[in-house]
């Protein structure tokens, strides 16, 4: 009875990981293809590049390409359960960049906050750490690209890149705001 119970839990865990991978990876891949190809109502490289520049990610087209590749590639690999540490770390890094754009709007998504990006990023990171489960290409390939040492390596590389890119954006925005002065009075009170 005990052996059956452990096997049942193991199958349930693998199915749960598969569902998390498919859901999270699918959403990430869809968002990435909006950026790269303009699919699903997205702006493609041109439109997304213009948006990226407007929020401080310069050069815009390169930023759009990097974000699109991290989301599309990371999401697709997560869904397949292939190279899970690198896939999850790349997706988490892209979501950290997205969250930095939304942070001034607070937490909740309905107000333009970072809730959605944080949820996707944390789920991708959790999958990278937990692993893809047995219903995955990593398992099928003997975990050749899903070794324990790859988890800290992938997160270290992604963290370094994310800190550089988000830090440069923050400095750029701060410099652009230098010399700007907030109005002493709101216009509505002057009337």
N, C-alpha and C. Protein backbone atom coordinates (compact mmCIF):
# COMPACT_ATOMS: atom_id res chain seq x y z
N UNK A 1 0.82 -1.19 0.00
CA UNK A 1 0.00 0.00 0.00
C UNK A 1 0.87 1.26 0.00
N UNK A 2 1.92 1.25 0.79
CA UNK A 2 2.79 2.40 0.89
C UNK A 2 3.52 2.67 -0.44
N UNK A 3 3.98 1.63 -1.09
CA UNK A 3 4.67 1.76 -2.37
C UNK A 3 3.72 2.36 -3.41
N UNK A 4 2.47 1.90 -3.43
CA UNK A 4 1.49 2.43 -4.37
C UNK A 4 1.25 3.92 -4.10
N UNK A 5 1.17 4.29 -2.84
CA UNK A 5 0.93 5.68 -2.47
C UNK A 5 2.07 6.58 -2.97
N UNK A 6 3.32 6.16 -2.79
CA UNK A 6 4.47 6.94 -3.27
C UNK A 6 4.45 7.07 -4.78
N UNK A 7 4.13 5.99 -5.47
CA UNK A 7 4.08 6.03 -6.93
C UNK A 7 2.97 6.96 -7.38
N UNK A 8 1.83 6.93 -6.71
CA UNK A 8 0.71 7.79 -7.04
C UNK A 8 1.10 9.26 -6.85
N UNK A 9 1.77 9.57 -5.76
CA UNK A 9 2.22 10.94 -5.52
C UNK A 9 3.24 11.38 -6.57
N UNK A 10 4.12 10.48 -6.95
CA UNK A 10 5.12 10.79 -7.96
C UNK A 10 4.45 11.10 -9.30
N UNK A 11 3.47 10.33 -9.68
CA UNK A 11 2.75 10.59 -10.94
C UNK A 11 2.00 11.91 -10.88
N UNK A 12 1.39 12.18 -9.74
CA UNK A 12 0.67 13.44 -9.57
C UNK A 12 1.63 14.62 -9.67
N UNK A 13 2.79 14.51 -9.05
CA UNK A 13 3.79 15.59 -9.11
C UNK A 13 4.23 15.82 -10.55
N UNK A 14 4.51 14.75 -11.28
CA UNK A 14 4.93 14.88 -12.68
C UNK A 14 3.85 15.53 -13.53
N UNK A 15 2.60 15.16 -13.31
CA UNK A 15 1.49 15.76 -14.05
C UNK A 15 1.35 17.24 -13.68
N UNK A 16 1.49 17.54 -12.39
CA UNK A 16 1.42 18.94 -11.97
C UNK A 16 2.51 19.79 -12.58
N UNK A 17 3.73 19.26 -12.62
CA UNK A 17 4.84 19.99 -13.24
C UNK A 17 4.60 20.18 -14.73
N UNK A 18 4.06 19.16 -15.39
CA UNK A 18 3.74 19.28 -16.81
C UNK A 18 2.72 20.41 -17.04
N UNK A 19 1.68 20.45 -16.22
CA UNK A 19 0.67 21.50 -16.37
C UNK A 19 1.27 22.89 -16.13
N UNK A 20 2.10 23.03 -15.10
CA UNK A 20 2.76 24.31 -14.84
C UNK A 20 3.66 24.71 -16.00
N UNK A 21 4.42 23.75 -16.53
CA UNK A 21 5.32 24.04 -17.64
C UNK A 21 4.55 24.46 -18.88
N UNK A 22 3.49 23.70 -19.21
CA UNK A 22 2.71 24.02 -20.40
C UNK A 22 2.03 25.39 -20.28
N UNK A 23 1.44 25.65 -19.14
CA UNK A 23 0.75 26.93 -18.94
C UNK A 23 1.70 28.11 -18.94
N UNK A 24 2.70 28.04 -18.10
CA UNK A 24 3.65 29.15 -17.99
C UNK A 24 4.46 29.31 -19.28
N UNK A 25 4.97 28.19 -19.80
CA UNK A 25 5.75 28.26 -21.03
C UNK A 25 4.94 28.76 -22.20
N UNK A 26 3.69 28.31 -22.29
CA UNK A 26 2.82 28.76 -23.38
C UNK A 26 2.55 30.25 -23.33
N UNK A 27 2.27 30.76 -22.14
CA UNK A 27 2.01 32.20 -21.99
C UNK A 27 3.27 33.00 -22.34
N UNK A 28 4.41 32.56 -21.82
CA UNK A 28 5.67 33.26 -22.11
C UNK A 28 5.98 33.25 -23.62
N UNK A 29 5.82 32.09 -24.23
CA UNK A 29 6.10 31.99 -25.67
C UNK A 29 5.15 32.88 -26.48
N UNK A 30 3.90 32.92 -26.10
CA UNK A 30 2.95 33.77 -26.81
C UNK A 30 3.34 35.24 -26.70
N UNK A 31 3.72 35.69 -25.51
CA UNK A 31 4.15 37.08 -25.34
C UNK A 31 5.43 37.36 -26.13
N UNK A 32 6.32 36.40 -26.16
CA UNK A 32 7.55 36.58 -26.93
C UNK A 32 7.30 36.70 -28.42
N UNK A 33 6.36 35.91 -28.93
CA UNK A 33 6.06 35.99 -30.37
C UNK A 33 5.35 37.30 -30.72
N UNK A 34 4.66 37.90 -29.75
CA UNK A 34 4.11 39.23 -29.99
C UNK A 34 5.25 40.21 -30.28
N UNK A 35 6.31 40.09 -29.49
CA UNK A 35 7.45 41.00 -29.64
C UNK A 35 8.24 40.71 -30.92
N UNK A 36 8.49 39.46 -31.19
CA UNK A 36 9.34 39.09 -32.32
C UNK A 36 8.63 39.19 -33.66
N UNK A 37 7.40 38.70 -33.74
CA UNK A 37 6.72 38.55 -35.03
C UNK A 37 5.43 39.35 -35.17
N UNK A 38 5.00 40.01 -34.10
CA UNK A 38 3.75 40.75 -34.16
C UNK A 38 2.52 39.85 -34.08
N UNK A 39 2.71 38.59 -33.71
CA UNK A 39 1.58 37.67 -33.60
C UNK A 39 0.70 38.06 -32.42
N UNK A 40 -0.53 37.59 -32.44
CA UNK A 40 -1.50 37.77 -31.35
C UNK A 40 -1.67 39.25 -30.98
N UNK A 41 -1.63 40.11 -31.99
CA UNK A 41 -1.85 41.53 -31.75
C UNK A 41 -0.64 42.28 -31.23
N UNK A 42 0.53 41.68 -31.29
CA UNK A 42 1.74 42.34 -30.80
C UNK A 42 2.30 43.34 -31.79
N UNK A 43 3.31 44.06 -31.34
CA UNK A 43 3.90 45.11 -32.15
C UNK A 43 5.04 44.67 -33.03
N UNK A 44 5.48 43.41 -32.92
CA UNK A 44 6.64 42.97 -33.67
C UNK A 44 7.88 43.71 -33.18
N UNK A 45 8.99 43.48 -33.85
CA UNK A 45 10.25 44.11 -33.45
C UNK A 45 10.15 45.64 -33.53
N UNK A 46 9.56 46.14 -34.59
CA UNK A 46 9.48 47.59 -34.79
C UNK A 46 8.66 48.26 -33.69
N UNK A 47 7.42 47.82 -33.52
CA UNK A 47 6.54 48.42 -32.52
C UNK A 47 7.03 48.20 -31.09
N UNK A 48 7.48 46.99 -30.82
CA UNK A 48 7.98 46.69 -29.49
C UNK A 48 9.27 47.47 -29.22
N UNK A 49 10.09 47.62 -30.25
CA UNK A 49 11.31 48.41 -30.11
C UNK A 49 11.01 49.86 -29.76
N UNK A 50 10.00 50.43 -30.38
CA UNK A 50 9.60 51.80 -30.05
C UNK A 50 9.11 51.89 -28.61
N UNK A 51 8.33 50.89 -28.21
CA UNK A 51 7.86 50.88 -26.81
C UNK A 51 9.03 50.75 -25.86
N UNK A 52 9.96 49.84 -26.17
CA UNK A 52 11.11 49.63 -25.29
C UNK A 52 11.90 50.93 -25.11
N UNK A 53 12.10 51.65 -26.19
CA UNK A 53 12.81 52.94 -26.10
C UNK A 53 12.03 53.91 -25.22
N UNK A 54 10.69 53.92 -25.35
CA UNK A 54 9.88 54.87 -24.58
C UNK A 54 9.94 54.61 -23.08
N UNK A 55 10.26 53.37 -22.68
CA UNK A 55 10.35 53.06 -21.25
C UNK A 55 11.79 52.95 -20.79
N UNK A 56 12.74 53.34 -21.65
CA UNK A 56 14.12 53.44 -21.23
C UNK A 56 15.04 52.30 -21.61
N UNK A 57 14.54 51.31 -22.34
CA UNK A 57 15.41 50.22 -22.80
C UNK A 57 15.95 50.58 -24.18
N UNK A 58 17.21 50.99 -24.20
CA UNK A 58 17.85 51.48 -25.42
C UNK A 58 19.05 50.61 -25.75
N UNK A 59 19.28 50.25 -27.01
CA UNK A 59 18.44 50.52 -28.18
C UNK A 59 17.19 49.65 -28.18
N UNK A 60 16.11 50.22 -28.64
CA UNK A 60 14.81 49.57 -28.56
C UNK A 60 14.69 48.26 -29.31
N UNK A 61 15.16 48.23 -30.56
CA UNK A 61 15.03 47.00 -31.35
C UNK A 61 15.84 45.86 -30.74
N UNK A 62 17.04 46.15 -30.28
CA UNK A 62 17.86 45.12 -29.64
C UNK A 62 17.21 44.64 -28.35
N UNK A 63 16.62 45.57 -27.61
CA UNK A 63 15.94 45.21 -26.37
C UNK A 63 14.70 44.35 -26.66
N UNK A 64 13.96 44.73 -27.70
CA UNK A 64 12.78 43.95 -28.08
C UNK A 64 13.19 42.55 -28.52
N UNK A 65 14.27 42.45 -29.27
CA UNK A 65 14.75 41.15 -29.72
C UNK A 65 15.18 40.28 -28.54
N UNK A 66 15.94 40.86 -27.63
CA UNK A 66 16.40 40.10 -26.46
C UNK A 66 15.23 39.64 -25.61
N UNK A 67 14.28 40.53 -25.34
CA UNK A 67 13.11 40.15 -24.54
C UNK A 67 12.28 39.10 -25.26
N UNK A 68 12.08 39.29 -26.55
CA UNK A 68 11.29 38.33 -27.33
C UNK A 68 11.93 36.95 -27.37
N UNK A 69 13.25 36.92 -27.55
CA UNK A 69 13.95 35.63 -27.56
C UNK A 69 13.91 34.94 -26.20
N UNK A 70 14.10 35.72 -25.14
CA UNK A 70 14.06 35.13 -23.79
C UNK A 70 12.68 34.57 -23.48
N UNK A 71 11.63 35.29 -23.88
CA UNK A 71 10.28 34.82 -23.61
C UNK A 71 9.88 33.67 -24.53
N UNK A 72 10.13 33.82 -25.82
CA UNK A 72 9.75 32.77 -26.77
C UNK A 72 10.59 31.51 -26.53
N UNK A 73 11.91 31.69 -26.49
CA UNK A 73 12.80 30.55 -26.29
C UNK A 73 12.63 29.93 -24.91
N UNK A 74 12.66 30.76 -23.88
CA UNK A 74 12.50 30.24 -22.52
C UNK A 74 11.15 29.57 -22.33
N UNK A 75 10.10 30.19 -22.85
CA UNK A 75 8.76 29.63 -22.71
C UNK A 75 8.60 28.31 -23.45
N UNK A 76 9.11 28.27 -24.67
CA UNK A 76 9.01 27.04 -25.46
C UNK A 76 9.78 25.90 -24.79
N UNK A 77 11.01 26.20 -24.36
CA UNK A 77 11.81 25.17 -23.69
C UNK A 77 11.19 24.73 -22.38
N UNK A 78 10.60 25.66 -21.62
CA UNK A 78 9.90 25.27 -20.39
C UNK A 78 8.74 24.33 -20.70
N UNK A 79 7.95 24.69 -21.69
CA UNK A 79 6.80 23.86 -22.05
C UNK A 79 7.24 22.45 -22.44
N UNK A 80 8.35 22.35 -23.17
CA UNK A 80 8.88 21.05 -23.58
C UNK A 80 9.61 20.33 -22.45
N UNK A 81 10.00 21.07 -21.43
CA UNK A 81 10.81 20.47 -20.37
C UNK A 81 12.20 20.16 -20.87
N UNK A 82 12.80 21.10 -21.60
CA UNK A 82 14.13 20.90 -22.18
C UNK A 82 15.03 22.04 -21.72
N UNK A 83 16.23 21.69 -21.23
CA UNK A 83 17.17 22.69 -20.72
C UNK A 83 16.47 23.56 -19.68
N UNK A 84 15.78 22.92 -18.79
CA UNK A 84 14.90 23.61 -17.84
C UNK A 84 15.61 24.67 -17.00
N UNK A 85 16.83 24.45 -16.49
CA UNK A 85 17.46 25.53 -15.72
C UNK A 85 17.69 26.80 -16.55
N UNK A 86 18.21 26.65 -17.75
CA UNK A 86 18.47 27.81 -18.61
C UNK A 86 17.16 28.45 -19.05
N UNK A 87 16.18 27.64 -19.40
CA UNK A 87 14.89 28.16 -19.85
C UNK A 87 14.21 28.97 -18.76
N UNK A 88 14.14 28.41 -17.56
CA UNK A 88 13.49 29.10 -16.45
C UNK A 88 14.23 30.36 -16.05
N UNK A 89 15.56 30.31 -16.04
CA UNK A 89 16.34 31.49 -15.68
C UNK A 89 16.17 32.60 -16.71
N UNK A 90 16.19 32.25 -18.00
CA UNK A 90 16.03 33.25 -19.06
C UNK A 90 14.66 33.92 -18.97
N UNK A 91 13.63 33.12 -18.77
CA UNK A 91 12.28 33.67 -18.64
C UNK A 91 12.16 34.55 -17.40
N UNK A 92 12.74 34.11 -16.30
CA UNK A 92 12.70 34.90 -15.07
C UNK A 92 13.42 36.23 -15.25
N UNK A 93 14.53 36.22 -15.96
CA UNK A 93 15.25 37.47 -16.23
C UNK A 93 14.43 38.43 -17.07
N UNK A 94 13.77 37.91 -18.09
CA UNK A 94 12.92 38.76 -18.92
C UNK A 94 11.78 39.35 -18.10
N UNK A 95 11.22 38.57 -17.21
CA UNK A 95 10.12 39.06 -16.38
C UNK A 95 10.60 40.07 -15.33
N UNK A 96 11.85 39.93 -14.88
CA UNK A 96 12.41 40.94 -13.97
C UNK A 96 12.51 42.28 -14.70
N UNK A 97 12.92 42.24 -15.96
CA UNK A 97 12.97 43.46 -16.76
C UNK A 97 11.60 44.07 -16.95
N UNK A 98 10.60 43.23 -17.20
CA UNK A 98 9.23 43.71 -17.36
C UNK A 98 8.69 44.27 -16.05
N UNK A 99 8.98 43.60 -14.95
CA UNK A 99 8.51 44.06 -13.64
C UNK A 99 9.07 45.43 -13.31
N UNK A 100 10.31 45.70 -13.71
CA UNK A 100 10.90 47.00 -13.40
C UNK A 100 10.16 48.14 -14.11
N UNK A 101 9.58 47.85 -15.26
CA UNK A 101 8.79 48.85 -15.97
C UNK A 101 7.49 49.13 -15.22
N UNK A 102 6.90 48.08 -14.65
CA UNK A 102 5.59 48.20 -14.01
C UNK A 102 5.65 48.56 -12.52
N UNK A 103 6.81 48.49 -11.91
CA UNK A 103 6.94 48.74 -10.47
C UNK A 103 6.38 50.10 -10.03
N UNK A 104 6.60 51.19 -10.77
CA UNK A 104 6.04 52.47 -10.31
C UNK A 104 4.51 52.47 -10.19
N UNK A 105 3.86 51.52 -10.82
CA UNK A 105 2.39 51.45 -10.78
C UNK A 105 1.87 50.61 -9.62
N UNK A 106 2.75 50.14 -8.76
CA UNK A 106 2.32 49.33 -7.62
C UNK A 106 2.31 47.85 -7.98
N UNK A 107 1.69 47.07 -7.12
CA UNK A 107 1.72 45.62 -7.26
C UNK A 107 0.67 45.09 -8.23
N UNK A 108 -0.58 45.49 -8.08
CA UNK A 108 -1.67 44.83 -8.78
C UNK A 108 -1.72 45.16 -10.27
N UNK A 109 -2.00 44.13 -11.06
CA UNK A 109 -2.02 44.22 -12.51
C UNK A 109 -3.08 45.19 -13.01
N UNK A 110 -4.24 45.26 -12.37
CA UNK A 110 -5.31 46.11 -12.89
C UNK A 110 -4.91 47.58 -12.86
N UNK A 111 -3.93 47.94 -12.04
CA UNK A 111 -3.43 49.31 -12.02
C UNK A 111 -2.14 49.46 -12.81
N UNK A 112 -1.79 48.46 -13.60
CA UNK A 112 -0.57 48.51 -14.38
C UNK A 112 0.66 48.06 -13.60
N UNK A 113 0.44 47.38 -12.47
CA UNK A 113 1.54 46.96 -11.61
C UNK A 113 2.28 45.73 -12.10
N UNK A 114 3.21 45.29 -11.28
CA UNK A 114 4.13 44.23 -11.67
C UNK A 114 3.68 42.82 -11.29
N UNK A 115 2.48 42.67 -10.80
CA UNK A 115 1.95 41.38 -10.34
C UNK A 115 2.09 40.27 -11.38
N UNK A 116 1.68 40.53 -12.60
CA UNK A 116 1.67 39.52 -13.66
C UNK A 116 3.09 39.09 -14.03
N UNK A 117 3.97 40.07 -14.25
CA UNK A 117 5.35 39.76 -14.60
C UNK A 117 6.03 39.00 -13.47
N UNK A 118 5.77 39.40 -12.23
CA UNK A 118 6.38 38.71 -11.08
C UNK A 118 5.89 37.27 -10.98
N UNK A 119 4.61 37.06 -11.22
CA UNK A 119 4.05 35.71 -11.14
C UNK A 119 4.67 34.81 -12.20
N UNK A 120 4.75 35.28 -13.43
CA UNK A 120 5.36 34.48 -14.49
C UNK A 120 6.84 34.21 -14.19
N UNK A 121 7.55 35.24 -13.75
CA UNK A 121 8.97 35.09 -13.45
C UNK A 121 9.23 34.13 -12.30
N UNK A 122 8.45 34.23 -11.24
CA UNK A 122 8.64 33.34 -10.09
C UNK A 122 8.27 31.90 -10.45
N UNK A 123 7.25 31.72 -11.25
CA UNK A 123 6.87 30.37 -11.67
C UNK A 123 7.96 29.76 -12.55
N UNK A 124 8.50 30.54 -13.48
CA UNK A 124 9.59 30.05 -14.33
C UNK A 124 10.81 29.71 -13.49
N UNK A 125 11.14 30.56 -12.53
CA UNK A 125 12.28 30.29 -11.65
C UNK A 125 12.04 29.05 -10.81
N UNK A 126 10.83 28.90 -10.30
CA UNK A 126 10.49 27.71 -9.52
C UNK A 126 10.63 26.43 -10.33
N UNK A 127 10.21 26.47 -11.58
CA UNK A 127 10.35 25.30 -12.45
C UNK A 127 11.82 25.01 -12.74
N UNK A 128 12.62 26.05 -12.91
CA UNK A 128 14.06 25.84 -13.14
C UNK A 128 14.70 25.14 -11.96
N UNK A 129 14.30 25.50 -10.75
CA UNK A 129 14.88 24.91 -9.54
C UNK A 129 14.32 23.52 -9.29
N UNK A 130 13.02 23.35 -9.44
CA UNK A 130 12.36 22.07 -9.15
C UNK A 130 12.70 21.01 -10.19
N UNK A 131 12.81 21.44 -11.43
CA UNK A 131 13.02 20.51 -12.52
C UNK A 131 11.73 20.22 -13.25
N UNK A 132 11.82 19.61 -14.42
CA UNK A 132 10.65 19.45 -15.27
C UNK A 132 9.78 18.25 -14.96
N UNK A 133 10.25 17.33 -14.15
CA UNK A 133 9.50 16.10 -13.92
C UNK A 133 9.79 15.07 -15.01
N UNK A 134 9.16 13.91 -14.86
CA UNK A 134 9.45 12.82 -15.80
C UNK A 134 8.75 12.96 -17.14
N UNK A 135 7.72 13.78 -17.21
CA UNK A 135 7.01 13.98 -18.47
C UNK A 135 7.64 15.15 -19.23
N UNK A 136 8.92 14.97 -19.61
CA UNK A 136 9.67 16.06 -20.21
C UNK A 136 10.74 15.52 -21.16
N UNK A 137 11.21 16.39 -22.02
CA UNK A 137 12.32 16.02 -22.89
C UNK A 137 13.62 15.89 -22.10
N UNK A 138 13.80 16.68 -21.05
CA UNK A 138 14.99 16.52 -20.21
C UNK A 138 15.08 15.10 -19.67
N UNK A 139 13.97 14.60 -19.17
CA UNK A 139 13.95 13.23 -18.64
C UNK A 139 14.24 12.21 -19.74
N UNK A 140 13.60 12.42 -20.88
CA UNK A 140 13.78 11.51 -22.01
C UNK A 140 15.24 11.46 -22.48
N UNK A 141 15.94 12.60 -22.39
CA UNK A 141 17.33 12.69 -22.84
C UNK A 141 18.34 12.46 -21.71
N UNK A 142 17.87 11.91 -20.60
CA UNK A 142 18.78 11.59 -19.50
C UNK A 142 19.32 12.82 -18.79
N UNK A 143 18.59 13.92 -18.83
CA UNK A 143 18.95 15.17 -18.15
C UNK A 143 20.32 15.70 -18.59
N UNK A 144 20.64 15.52 -19.86
CA UNK A 144 21.92 15.99 -20.39
C UNK A 144 22.07 17.51 -20.27
N UNK A 145 20.98 18.25 -20.39
CA UNK A 145 21.03 19.71 -20.25
C UNK A 145 20.18 20.17 -19.06
N UNK A 146 20.16 19.33 -18.03
CA UNK A 146 19.43 19.64 -16.80
C UNK A 146 20.20 19.05 -15.61
N UNK A 147 21.42 19.48 -15.46
CA UNK A 147 22.27 19.02 -14.36
C UNK A 147 22.14 19.98 -13.19
N UNK A 148 22.43 19.48 -12.01
CA UNK A 148 22.34 20.31 -10.81
C UNK A 148 23.19 21.57 -10.87
N UNK A 149 24.40 21.47 -11.38
CA UNK A 149 25.29 22.64 -11.44
C UNK A 149 24.77 23.70 -12.41
N UNK A 150 23.89 23.30 -13.33
CA UNK A 150 23.39 24.25 -14.32
C UNK A 150 22.42 25.26 -13.70
N UNK A 151 21.79 24.90 -12.61
CA UNK A 151 20.82 25.81 -11.97
C UNK A 151 21.51 27.07 -11.47
N UNK A 152 22.52 26.96 -10.59
CA UNK A 152 23.17 28.21 -10.15
C UNK A 152 23.90 28.92 -11.28
N UNK A 153 24.45 28.18 -12.22
CA UNK A 153 25.14 28.82 -13.35
C UNK A 153 24.16 29.64 -14.19
N UNK A 154 23.00 29.07 -14.49
CA UNK A 154 22.00 29.78 -15.29
C UNK A 154 21.48 31.01 -14.57
N UNK A 155 21.21 30.87 -13.27
CA UNK A 155 20.70 32.02 -12.52
C UNK A 155 21.77 33.09 -12.33
N UNK A 156 23.03 32.69 -12.16
CA UNK A 156 24.11 33.68 -12.02
C UNK A 156 24.27 34.48 -13.31
N UNK A 157 24.29 33.79 -14.45
CA UNK A 157 24.44 34.48 -15.73
C UNK A 157 23.25 35.40 -16.00
N UNK A 158 22.05 34.90 -15.73
CA UNK A 158 20.85 35.71 -15.96
C UNK A 158 20.80 36.89 -15.02
N UNK A 159 21.15 36.67 -13.75
CA UNK A 159 21.13 37.77 -12.79
C UNK A 159 22.13 38.86 -13.20
N UNK A 160 23.32 38.46 -13.62
CA UNK A 160 24.32 39.44 -14.05
C UNK A 160 23.80 40.27 -15.22
N UNK A 161 23.25 39.60 -16.23
CA UNK A 161 22.71 40.31 -17.38
C UNK A 161 21.54 41.21 -17.01
N UNK A 162 20.66 40.72 -16.17
CA UNK A 162 19.49 41.49 -15.77
C UNK A 162 19.90 42.72 -14.97
N UNK A 163 20.83 42.56 -14.06
CA UNK A 163 21.30 43.70 -13.26
C UNK A 163 21.92 44.77 -14.18
N UNK A 164 22.71 44.34 -15.14
CA UNK A 164 23.32 45.30 -16.07
C UNK A 164 22.27 46.05 -16.88
N UNK A 165 21.33 45.30 -17.46
CA UNK A 165 20.34 45.93 -18.34
C UNK A 165 19.36 46.80 -17.56
N UNK A 166 18.81 46.29 -16.47
CA UNK A 166 17.85 47.07 -15.68
C UNK A 166 18.57 48.24 -15.00
N UNK A 167 19.79 48.02 -14.55
CA UNK A 167 20.57 49.11 -13.95
C UNK A 167 20.84 50.23 -14.93
N UNK A 168 21.21 49.88 -16.17
CA UNK A 168 21.44 50.90 -17.20
C UNK A 168 20.17 51.67 -17.49
N UNK A 169 19.05 50.98 -17.54
CA UNK A 169 17.76 51.64 -17.76
C UNK A 169 17.46 52.60 -16.62
N UNK A 170 17.66 52.16 -15.39
CA UNK A 170 17.38 53.00 -14.23
C UNK A 170 18.25 54.25 -14.24
N UNK A 171 19.54 54.10 -14.55
CA UNK A 171 20.43 55.26 -14.62
C UNK A 171 20.00 56.21 -15.74
N UNK A 172 19.60 55.64 -16.87
CA UNK A 172 19.16 56.45 -18.01
C UNK A 172 17.90 57.25 -17.64
N UNK A 173 16.96 56.62 -16.98
CA UNK A 173 15.73 57.32 -16.58
C UNK A 173 16.02 58.38 -15.53
N UNK A 174 16.89 58.05 -14.58
CA UNK A 174 17.24 59.01 -13.53
C UNK A 174 17.91 60.24 -14.15
N UNK A 175 18.82 60.02 -15.10
CA UNK A 175 19.51 61.13 -15.75
C UNK A 175 18.53 61.99 -16.54
N UNK A 176 17.58 61.35 -17.21
CA UNK A 176 16.58 62.09 -17.99
C UNK A 176 15.71 62.95 -17.09
N UNK A 177 15.51 62.53 -15.86
CA UNK A 177 14.67 63.28 -14.92
C UNK A 177 15.44 64.39 -14.20
N UNK A 178 16.76 64.37 -14.28
CA UNK A 178 17.55 65.42 -13.64
C UNK A 178 17.19 66.76 -14.26
N UNK A 179 17.05 67.71 -13.45
CA UNK A 179 16.71 69.03 -13.94
C UNK A 179 15.22 69.25 -14.09
N UNK A 180 14.45 68.19 -14.12
CA UNK A 180 13.00 68.35 -14.16
C UNK A 180 12.52 68.71 -12.77
N UNK A 181 11.59 69.62 -12.70
CA UNK A 181 11.06 70.02 -11.41
C UNK A 181 9.56 69.77 -11.41
N UNK A 182 9.07 69.19 -10.34
CA UNK A 182 7.64 68.99 -10.22
C UNK A 182 6.96 70.35 -10.05
N UNK A 183 5.76 70.51 -10.60
CA UNK A 183 5.06 71.79 -10.42
C UNK A 183 4.74 72.03 -8.94
N UNK A 184 4.77 73.28 -8.56
CA UNK A 184 4.46 73.60 -7.17
C UNK A 184 3.00 73.35 -6.84
N UNK A 185 2.12 73.57 -7.81
CA UNK A 185 0.70 73.40 -7.60
C UNK A 185 0.12 72.59 -8.74
N UNK A 186 -0.86 71.77 -8.45
CA UNK A 186 -1.58 71.07 -9.51
C UNK A 186 -2.43 72.08 -10.26
N UNK A 187 -2.52 71.90 -11.57
CA UNK A 187 -3.26 72.84 -12.39
C UNK A 187 -4.70 72.96 -11.99
N UNK A 188 -5.31 71.87 -11.53
CA UNK A 188 -6.73 71.91 -11.18
C UNK A 188 -7.00 72.84 -10.00
N UNK A 189 -5.97 73.05 -9.15
CA UNK A 189 -6.16 73.93 -7.99
C UNK A 189 -5.91 75.39 -8.33
N UNK A 190 -5.32 75.66 -9.47
CA UNK A 190 -5.04 77.05 -9.86
C UNK A 190 -6.25 77.73 -10.47
N UNK A 191 -7.23 76.97 -10.89
CA UNK A 191 -8.41 77.56 -11.54
C UNK A 191 -9.36 78.14 -10.55
